[in-house]
């Protein structure tokens, strides 16, 4: 059972009321998709601040924050059904990093993600090793390009006009997936066996600021500084 401070419960109830009103306005056609997303982000960002306030120590304050949508790794059960997105909000204070994972809807009619549990957790900078940049080959893109190229070769006699085009697209997709791997930025834990926290959209301004702050704080922690 999840127990929250009364202030956090009040903040959540207030946010849910505002989110319901935003859903209603989009359902009635008062706001478009972009404004809908912006308004929900503002409400949820304020809620995130209020949720972690209950856990802050003394004069601890939030110095940087960054929000992004997790990539969808699994194929949806029904591609025609719009579902909610898993959003990650990272808040860095002067002594630790908070991570809040929750659902958010791209539209009022989106359905919640099945078997997903919201979580709020944190790690002190003394528990973090620092930022690691990892590279992962795009195997799905590489495989898709190879399949397209093979199909073009097999159907060459029947597709005299389009076969060369398909072959070129397939080879380009194969080479792109193989030679330009996905770059991942991960906050590595210094605790053995503890998984790292990925920072999505790290190239955005807020992501760069967060990465810079984490690097500075973890380096100071290793030196024994504040």
Protein backbone atom coordinates (compact mmCIF):
# COMPACT_ATOMS: atom_id res chain seq x y z
CA UNK A 1 0.00 0.00 0.00
CA UNK A 2 1.35 3.39 -0.97
CA UNK A 3 1.25 5.95 1.83
CA UNK A 4 1.72 9.64 1.06
CA UNK A 5 1.96 12.71 3.25
CA UNK A 6 -1.27 14.67 3.57
CA UNK A 7 0.24 17.55 1.58
CA UNK A 8 1.10 15.16 -1.28
CA UNK A 9 -2.40 13.66 -1.19
CA UNK A 10 -3.93 17.13 -1.39
CA UNK A 11 -1.62 18.05 -4.29
CA UNK A 12 -2.55 14.87 -6.15
CA UNK A 13 -6.28 15.48 -5.67
CA UNK A 14 -5.91 19.07 -6.90
CA UNK A 15 -3.93 17.95 -9.95
CA UNK A 16 -6.44 15.22 -10.82
CA UNK A 17 -9.22 17.80 -10.78
CA UNK A 18 -7.28 20.08 -13.14
CA UNK A 19 -6.42 17.18 -15.47
CA UNK A 20 -10.09 16.16 -15.65
CA UNK A 21 -10.99 19.73 -16.60
CA UNK A 22 -8.31 19.74 -19.33
CA UNK A 23 -9.68 16.42 -20.67
CA UNK A 24 -13.17 17.89 -20.75
CA UNK A 25 -12.01 20.98 -22.64
CA UNK A 26 -10.31 18.88 -25.33
CA UNK A 27 -13.30 16.54 -25.58
CA UNK A 28 -15.52 19.57 -26.24
CA UNK A 29 -13.07 20.94 -28.80
CA UNK A 30 -11.98 24.00 -26.82
CA UNK A 31 -8.26 23.17 -27.02
CA UNK A 32 -6.09 21.43 -29.61
CA UNK A 33 -3.55 18.66 -29.19
CA UNK A 34 -0.53 20.93 -28.62
CA UNK A 35 -2.24 23.08 -26.01
CA UNK A 36 -3.66 19.96 -24.36
CA UNK A 37 -0.16 18.46 -24.01
CA UNK A 38 1.32 21.74 -22.74
CA UNK A 39 -1.39 22.27 -20.12
CA UNK A 40 -1.10 18.70 -18.83
CA UNK A 41 2.69 19.01 -18.64
CA UNK A 42 2.40 22.18 -16.56
CA UNK A 43 0.00 20.54 -14.10
CA UNK A 44 2.07 17.36 -13.79
CA UNK A 45 5.34 19.27 -13.42
CA UNK A 46 3.89 21.22 -10.48
CA UNK A 47 2.56 17.99 -9.01
CA UNK A 48 6.03 16.41 -9.27
CA UNK A 49 7.53 19.30 -7.31
CA UNK A 50 4.93 18.98 -4.59
CA UNK A 51 5.33 15.20 -4.34
CA UNK A 52 9.07 15.41 -3.70
CA UNK A 53 8.76 18.37 -1.33
CA UNK A 54 7.55 15.93 1.32
CA UNK A 55 10.92 14.14 1.10
CA UNK A 56 13.29 17.12 1.02
CA UNK A 57 15.66 17.67 3.93
CA UNK A 58 15.99 21.08 5.58
CA UNK A 59 17.30 23.58 3.03
CA UNK A 60 17.47 21.01 0.19
CA UNK A 61 16.19 22.54 -3.05
CA UNK A 62 15.59 21.45 -6.65
CA UNK A 63 18.35 22.76 -8.92
CA UNK A 64 17.44 21.13 -12.25
CA UNK A 65 14.66 19.07 -13.79
CA UNK A 66 14.10 17.18 -17.01
CA UNK A 67 11.06 15.38 -18.44
CA UNK A 68 10.82 12.86 -21.29
CA UNK A 69 8.66 10.04 -22.65
CA UNK A 70 10.07 6.54 -22.43
CA UNK A 71 10.47 4.70 -25.71
CA UNK A 72 7.87 2.09 -26.54
CA UNK A 73 9.78 -1.20 -26.74
CA UNK A 74 6.82 -3.55 -26.91
CA UNK A 75 4.39 -3.90 -29.81
CA UNK A 76 0.93 -2.72 -28.68
CA UNK A 77 -1.85 -5.30 -28.45
CA UNK A 78 -4.05 -3.13 -30.62
CA UNK A 79 -2.35 -0.55 -32.83
CA UNK A 80 -5.69 1.19 -33.36
CA UNK A 81 -6.17 1.82 -29.63
CA UNK A 82 -4.53 4.97 -28.33
CA UNK A 83 -2.81 4.38 -25.00
CA UNK A 84 -1.14 6.55 -22.41
CA UNK A 85 2.60 7.23 -22.43
CA UNK A 86 5.11 6.43 -19.70
CA UNK A 87 6.74 9.71 -18.68
CA UNK A 88 9.88 10.11 -16.58
CA UNK A 89 10.53 13.28 -14.59
CA UNK A 90 14.00 13.72 -13.10
CA UNK A 91 14.56 16.30 -10.36
CA UNK A 92 18.08 16.98 -9.11
CA UNK A 93 18.66 18.71 -5.78
CA UNK A 94 21.98 19.70 -4.25
CA UNK A 95 22.37 16.22 -2.77
CA UNK A 96 20.33 13.63 -4.70
CA UNK A 97 18.42 12.71 -7.84
CA UNK A 98 14.68 11.97 -7.82
CA UNK A 99 12.95 9.92 -10.52
CA UNK A 100 9.16 9.96 -10.92
CA UNK A 101 7.63 7.54 -13.47
CA UNK A 102 3.96 7.99 -14.27
CA UNK A 103 1.41 7.79 -17.05
CA UNK A 104 0.26 10.71 -19.15
CA UNK A 105 -2.29 10.80 -21.95
CA UNK A 106 -1.66 12.21 -25.44
CA UNK A 107 -5.43 12.83 -25.70
CA UNK A 108 -8.51 12.62 -23.51
CA UNK A 109 -9.57 9.28 -25.01
CA UNK A 110 -6.27 7.47 -24.45
CA UNK A 111 -6.51 4.41 -22.22
CA UNK A 112 -4.13 3.69 -19.34
CA UNK A 113 -1.18 1.33 -19.76
CA UNK A 114 -1.95 -2.11 -18.37
CA UNK A 115 0.05 -3.42 -15.39
CA UNK A 116 1.96 -0.18 -14.85
CA UNK A 117 2.68 1.09 -11.35
CA UNK A 118 3.65 4.71 -10.72
CA UNK A 119 6.89 5.10 -8.78
CA UNK A 120 8.82 7.84 -6.99
CA UNK A 121 12.38 7.02 -5.97
CA UNK A 122 15.66 8.77 -5.33
CA UNK A 123 19.39 8.17 -5.09
CA UNK A 124 21.94 10.29 -3.30
CA UNK A 125 24.85 11.46 -5.44
CA UNK A 126 27.15 9.42 -3.18
CA UNK A 127 25.35 6.33 -4.55
CA UNK A 128 25.90 7.31 -8.18
CA UNK A 129 28.97 6.56 -10.28
CA UNK A 130 28.21 9.27 -12.82
CA UNK A 131 27.08 9.65 -16.41
CA UNK A 132 27.81 6.89 -18.92
CA UNK A 133 27.25 7.17 -22.67
CA UNK A 134 26.35 3.86 -24.23
CA UNK A 135 25.83 2.86 -27.84
CA UNK A 136 23.35 0.27 -29.08
CA UNK A 137 23.11 -1.02 -32.65
CA UNK A 138 19.66 -0.53 -34.17
CA UNK A 139 19.06 -4.23 -34.82
CA UNK A 140 15.41 -3.81 -35.82
CA UNK A 141 16.30 -1.20 -38.45
CA UNK A 142 19.21 -3.32 -39.67
CA UNK A 143 16.97 -6.39 -39.99
CA UNK A 144 14.23 -4.44 -41.78
CA UNK A 145 16.74 -3.04 -44.27
CA UNK A 146 18.16 -6.50 -44.95
CA UNK A 147 14.67 -7.93 -45.55
CA UNK A 148 13.78 -5.14 -47.99
CA UNK A 149 17.05 -5.66 -49.89
CA UNK A 150 16.51 -9.44 -50.14
CA UNK A 151 12.92 -8.97 -51.35
CA UNK A 152 14.14 -6.52 -54.00
CA UNK A 153 16.73 -9.02 -55.26
CA UNK A 154 14.23 -11.91 -55.34
CA UNK A 155 11.64 -9.85 -57.20
CA UNK A 156 14.13 -8.09 -59.50
CA UNK A 157 12.71 -9.58 -62.71
CA UNK A 158 9.12 -8.72 -61.78
CA UNK A 159 9.82 -5.22 -60.45
CA UNK A 160 12.15 -3.76 -63.04
CA UNK A 161 11.28 -0.16 -62.13
CA UNK A 162 10.89 -0.30 -58.35
CA UNK A 163 13.38 -3.08 -57.52
CA UNK A 164 16.49 -0.83 -57.74
CA UNK A 165 14.77 1.74 -55.55
CA UNK A 166 13.79 -0.90 -52.97
CA UNK A 167 17.30 -2.34 -53.00
CA UNK A 168 18.80 1.10 -52.38
CA UNK A 169 16.38 1.83 -49.53
CA UNK A 170 17.08 -1.55 -47.97
CA UNK A 171 20.84 -1.12 -48.13
CA UNK A 172 20.64 2.41 -46.72
CA UNK A 173 18.46 1.22 -43.85
CA UNK A 174 20.83 -1.68 -43.16
CA UNK A 175 23.91 0.56 -43.12
CA UNK A 176 22.20 3.28 -41.07
CA UNK A 177 21.15 0.82 -38.37
CA UNK A 178 24.60 -0.78 -38.31
CA UNK A 179 26.85 2.28 -38.56
CA UNK A 180 24.83 4.85 -36.58
CA UNK A 181 23.93 3.15 -33.28
CA UNK A 182 21.48 4.62 -30.81
CA UNK A 183 23.17 6.80 -28.20
CA UNK A 184 21.98 6.29 -24.64
CA UNK A 185 22.83 8.48 -21.64
CA UNK A 186 22.63 6.57 -18.36
CA UNK A 187 23.11 7.62 -14.75
CA UNK A 188 25.16 4.66 -13.48
CA UNK A 189 24.86 3.47 -9.90
CA UNK A 190 27.94 2.84 -7.77
CA UNK A 191 26.07 0.00 -6.00
CA UNK A 192 26.86 -3.38 -7.54
CA UNK A 193 23.93 -4.88 -9.43
CA UNK A 194 21.85 -1.71 -9.24
CA UNK A 195 20.51 -0.75 -12.71
CA UNK A 196 21.23 2.71 -14.07
CA UNK A 197 18.66 5.35 -14.88
CA UNK A 198 18.43 6.35 -18.51
CA UNK A 199 18.07 10.02 -19.42
CA UNK A 200 15.97 10.32 -22.56
CA UNK A 201 16.05 13.38 -24.82
CA UNK A 202 19.37 14.34 -23.20
CA UNK A 203 20.15 16.72 -26.07
CA UNK A 204 17.45 19.16 -25.01
CA UNK A 205 18.45 22.16 -22.94
CA UNK A 206 17.00 20.78 -19.71
CA UNK A 207 18.68 17.42 -20.36
CA UNK A 208 22.09 19.01 -20.91
CA UNK A 209 21.74 21.04 -17.70
CA UNK A 210 20.78 17.95 -15.74
CA UNK A 211 23.70 15.91 -17.12
CA UNK A 212 26.11 18.74 -16.30
CA UNK A 213 24.82 19.00 -12.74
CA UNK A 214 24.98 15.22 -12.18
CA UNK A 215 28.56 15.10 -13.48
CA UNK A 216 29.55 17.95 -11.17
CA UNK A 217 27.84 16.49 -8.09
CA UNK A 218 29.05 12.91 -8.54
CA UNK A 219 32.62 14.14 -9.12
CA UNK A 220 32.43 16.22 -5.94
CA UNK A 221 31.02 13.25 -4.04
CA UNK A 222 33.95 11.04 -5.12
CA UNK A 223 36.34 13.71 -3.87
CA UNK A 224 34.50 13.77 -0.56
CA UNK A 225 33.02 17.22 -1.12
CA UNK A 226 29.40 18.43 -0.71
